[in-house]
Amino acid sequence: MSKLPPQYQFIDLSDYGRAGGKWIASGLKETSFTPIHVTLLFVVSGFAAIYCILNGLHLQAAFFLILKSIIDAADGELARLKKTPSYVGRYLDSVCDLLLNLMFLLSIMAV
């Protein structure tokens, strides 16, 4: 887990999107994209996954869920690279994660 000092790092299986997130963030570092733009992009990917779940497109849903996790890692990485972390960004990220996770569960229950 790269956000921690070396002496406290550990293997976090939920952190699989970090490498892709770093790659996306480094590509966006010199652009006008903000971490909040990236957060909104992972919401779009989450909605695409929900659409696929509800329509029986399981492989595509898996793709969008993994993409959502990678993009979710990118917003924090971009905030650190641009040195623009914010409480608004952290709050938005958490709220979007919570709502999307609820919607994922509800969509799985609906099929």
C-alpha atoms as a PDB file:
ATOM      1  CA  MET A   1       0.000   0.000   0.000  1.00  0.00           C
ATOM      2  CA  SER A   2       1.948   2.973  -1.336  1.00  0.00           C
ATOM      3  CA  LYS A   3       0.149   5.667   0.664  1.00  0.00           C
ATOM      4  CA  LEU A   4       1.871   4.500   3.846  1.00  0.00           C
ATOM      5  CA  PRO A   5       5.487   4.977   4.953  1.00  0.00           C
ATOM      6  CA  PRO A   6       7.658   1.959   4.016  1.00  0.00           C
ATOM      7  CA  GLN A   7       7.756   0.546   7.543  1.00  0.00           C
ATOM      8  CA  TYR A   8       3.921   0.360   7.658  1.00  0.00           C
ATOM      9  CA  GLN A   9       3.226  -0.933   4.148  1.00  0.00           C
ATOM     10  CA  PHE A  10       1.395  -4.224   3.695  1.00  0.00           C
ATOM     11  CA  ILE A  11      -0.211  -6.234   0.909  1.00  0.00           C
ATOM     12  CA  ASP A  12      -3.739  -4.954   0.395  1.00  0.00           C
ATOM     13  CA  LEU A  13      -5.718  -7.132  -2.002  1.00  0.00           C
ATOM     14  CA  SER A  14      -8.315  -4.393  -2.472  1.00  0.00           C
ATOM     15  CA  ASP A  15      -5.559  -2.114  -3.807  1.00  0.00           C
ATOM     16  CA  TYR A  16      -5.287  -3.911  -7.177  1.00  0.00           C
ATOM     17  CA  GLY A  17      -6.180  -0.760  -9.111  1.00  0.00           C
ATOM     18  CA  ARG A  18      -3.335   1.322  -7.690  1.00  0.00           C
ATOM     19  CA  ALA A  19      -0.823   0.697 -10.522  1.00  0.00           C
ATOM     20  CA  GLY A  20      -3.372   1.576 -13.197  1.00  0.00           C
ATOM     21  CA  GLY A  21      -4.492   4.548 -11.130  1.00  0.00           C
ATOM     22  CA  LYS A  22      -0.939   5.848 -10.945  1.00  0.00           C
ATOM     23  CA  TRP A  23      -0.588   5.472 -14.709  1.00  0.00           C
ATOM     24  CA  ILE A  24      -3.820   7.404 -15.357  1.00  0.00           C
ATOM     25  CA  ALA A  25      -2.910  10.098 -12.820  1.00  0.00           C
ATOM     26  CA  SER A  26       0.543  10.610 -14.312  1.00  0.00           C
ATOM     27  CA  GLY A  27      -1.060  11.066 -17.723  1.00  0.00           C
ATOM     28  CA  LEU A  28      -3.459  13.672 -16.322  1.00  0.00           C
ATOM     29  CA  LYS A  29      -0.930  15.530 -14.166  1.00  0.00           C
ATOM     30  CA  GLU A  30      -0.182  18.267 -16.713  1.00  0.00           C
ATOM     31  CA  THR A  31      -3.797  18.670 -17.857  1.00  0.00           C
ATOM     32  CA  SER A  32      -6.695  20.721 -16.544  1.00  0.00           C
ATOM     33  CA  PHE A  33      -8.408  17.582 -15.207  1.00  0.00           C
ATOM     34  CA  THR A  34      -8.952  17.722 -11.470  1.00  0.00           C
ATOM     35  CA  PRO A  35      -9.319  14.812  -9.042  1.00  0.00           C
ATOM     36  CA  ILE A  36     -13.041  15.613  -8.870  1.00  0.00           C
ATOM     37  CA  HIS A  37     -13.320  15.125 -12.650  1.00  0.00           C
ATOM     38  CA  VAL A  38     -11.725  11.714 -12.197  1.00  0.00           C
ATOM     39  CA  THR A  39     -14.126  10.873  -9.357  1.00  0.00           C
ATOM     40  CA  LEU A  40     -17.061  11.698 -11.624  1.00  0.00           C
ATOM     41  CA  LEU A  41     -15.523   9.479 -14.296  1.00  0.00           C
ATOM     42  CA  PHE A  42     -15.487   6.479 -11.938  1.00  0.00           C
ATOM     43  CA  VAL A  43     -19.160   7.165 -11.221  1.00  0.00           C
ATOM     44  CA  VAL A  44     -19.857   6.900 -14.961  1.00  0.00           C
ATOM     45  CA  SER A  45     -17.977   3.595 -15.062  1.00  0.00           C
ATOM     46  CA  GLY A  46     -19.990   2.398 -12.058  1.00  0.00           C
ATOM     47  CA  PHE A  47     -23.277   3.277 -13.758  1.00  0.00           C
ATOM     48  CA  ALA A  48     -22.106   1.427 -16.872  1.00  0.00           C
ATOM     49  CA  ALA A  49     -21.445  -1.633 -14.685  1.00  0.00           C
ATOM     50  CA  ILE A  50     -24.908  -1.364 -13.128  1.00  0.00           C
ATOM     51  CA  TYR A  51     -26.495  -1.132 -16.561  1.00  0.00           C
ATOM     52  CA  CYS A  52     -24.593  -4.248 -17.635  1.00  0.00           C
ATOM     53  CA  ILE A  53     -25.594  -6.133 -14.470  1.00  0.00           C
ATOM     54  CA  LEU A  54     -29.259  -5.315 -15.005  1.00  0.00           C
ATOM     55  CA  ASN A  55     -29.098  -6.422 -18.633  1.00  0.00           C
ATOM     56  CA  GLY A  56     -27.251  -9.706 -18.056  1.00  0.00           C
ATOM     57  CA  LEU A  57     -23.983  -8.527 -19.603  1.00  0.00           C
ATOM     58  CA  HIS A  58     -21.807 -10.107 -16.928  1.00  0.00           C
ATOM     59  CA  LEU A  59     -18.423  -9.937 -18.673  1.00  0.00           C
ATOM     60  CA  GLN A  60     -18.932  -6.277 -19.536  1.00  0.00           C
ATOM     61  CA  ALA A  61     -20.121  -5.583 -15.961  1.00  0.00           C
ATOM     62  CA  ALA A  62     -16.917  -7.137 -14.613  1.00  0.00           C
ATOM     63  CA  PHE A  63     -14.859  -4.969 -16.981  1.00  0.00           C
ATOM     64  CA  PHE A  64     -16.589  -1.765 -15.821  1.00  0.00           C
ATOM     65  CA  LEU A  65     -16.294  -2.753 -12.145  1.00  0.00           C
ATOM     66  CA  ILE A  66     -12.549  -3.272 -12.503  1.00  0.00           C
ATOM     67  CA  LEU A  67     -12.247  -0.051 -14.512  1.00  0.00           C
ATOM     68  CA  LYS A  68     -14.174   1.768 -11.778  1.00  0.00           C
ATOM     69  CA  SER A  69     -11.678   0.551  -9.168  1.00  0.00           C
ATOM     70  CA  ILE A  70      -8.720   1.647 -11.268  1.00  0.00           C
ATOM     71  CA  ILE A  71     -10.222   5.090 -11.900  1.00  0.00           C
ATOM     72  CA  ASP A  72     -11.139   5.320  -8.208  1.00  0.00           C
ATOM     73  CA  ALA A  73      -7.456   4.898  -7.355  1.00  0.00           C
ATOM     74  CA  ALA A  74      -6.523   7.548  -9.927  1.00  0.00           C
ATOM     75  CA  ASP A  75      -8.392  10.420  -8.259  1.00  0.00           C
ATOM     76  CA  GLY A  76      -6.384  10.212  -5.055  1.00  0.00           C
ATOM     77  CA  GLU A  77      -3.140   9.706  -6.954  1.00  0.00           C
ATOM     78  CA  LEU A  78      -3.890  12.770  -9.086  1.00  0.00           C
ATOM     79  CA  ALA A  79      -4.638  14.840  -5.969  1.00  0.00           C
ATOM     80  CA  ARG A  80      -1.270  13.817  -4.501  1.00  0.00           C
ATOM     81  CA  LEU A  81       0.609  14.454  -7.769  1.00  0.00           C
ATOM     82  CA  LYS A  82      -0.928  17.892  -8.254  1.00  0.00           C
ATOM     83  CA  LYS A  83      -0.653  18.589  -4.515  1.00  0.00           C
ATOM     84  CA  THR A  84      -4.360  19.474  -4.440  1.00  0.00           C
ATOM     85  CA  PRO A  85      -5.942  17.163  -1.860  1.00  0.00           C
ATOM     86  CA  SER A  86      -9.230  18.474  -0.494  1.00  0.00           C
ATOM     87  CA  TYR A  87     -11.895  17.544   1.999  1.00  0.00           C
ATOM     88  CA  VAL A  88     -14.515  18.022  -0.716  1.00  0.00           C
ATOM     89  CA  GLY A  89     -12.732  15.518  -2.961  1.00  0.00           C
ATOM     90  CA  ARG A  90     -12.349  12.952  -0.192  1.00  0.00           C
ATOM     91  CA  TYR A  91     -15.982  13.385   0.828  1.00  0.00           C
ATOM     92  CA  LEU A  92     -17.242  13.127  -2.755  1.00  0.00           C
ATOM     93  CA  ASP A  93     -15.132  10.021  -3.330  1.00  0.00           C
ATOM     94  CA  SER A  94     -16.494   8.354  -0.194  1.00  0.00           C
ATOM     95  CA  VAL A  95     -20.114   9.255  -0.907  1.00  0.00           C
ATOM     96  CA  CYS A  96     -19.854   8.076  -4.517  1.00  0.00           C
ATOM     97  CA  ASP A  97     -18.266   4.796  -3.385  1.00  0.00           C
ATOM     98  CA  LEU A  98     -20.985   4.225  -0.817  1.00  0.00           C
ATOM     99  CA  LEU A  99     -23.855   4.987  -3.190  1.00  0.00           C
ATOM    100  CA  LEU A 100     -22.393   2.943  -6.036  1.00  0.00           C
ATOM    101  CA  ASN A 101     -21.795  -0.040  -3.745  1.00  0.00           C
ATOM    102  CA  LEU A 102     -25.418   0.151  -2.592  1.00  0.00           C
ATOM    103  CA  MET A 103     -26.584   0.356  -6.196  1.00  0.00           C
ATOM    104  CA  PHE A 104     -24.378  -2.611  -7.162  1.00  0.00           C
ATOM    105  CA  LEU A 105     -25.979  -4.716  -4.442  1.00  0.00           C
ATOM    106  CA  LEU A 106     -29.480  -3.608  -5.387  1.00  0.00           C
ATOM    107  CA  SER A 107     -28.880  -4.323  -9.070  1.00  0.00           C
ATOM    108  CA  ILE A 108     -27.530  -7.801  -8.284  1.00  0.00           C
ATOM    109  CA  MET A 109     -30.575  -8.465  -6.103  1.00  0.00           C
ATOM    110  CA  ALA A 110     -32.867  -7.302  -8.927  1.00  0.00           C
ATOM    111  CA  VAL A 111     -31.652  -9.887 -11.430  1.00  0.00           C
END
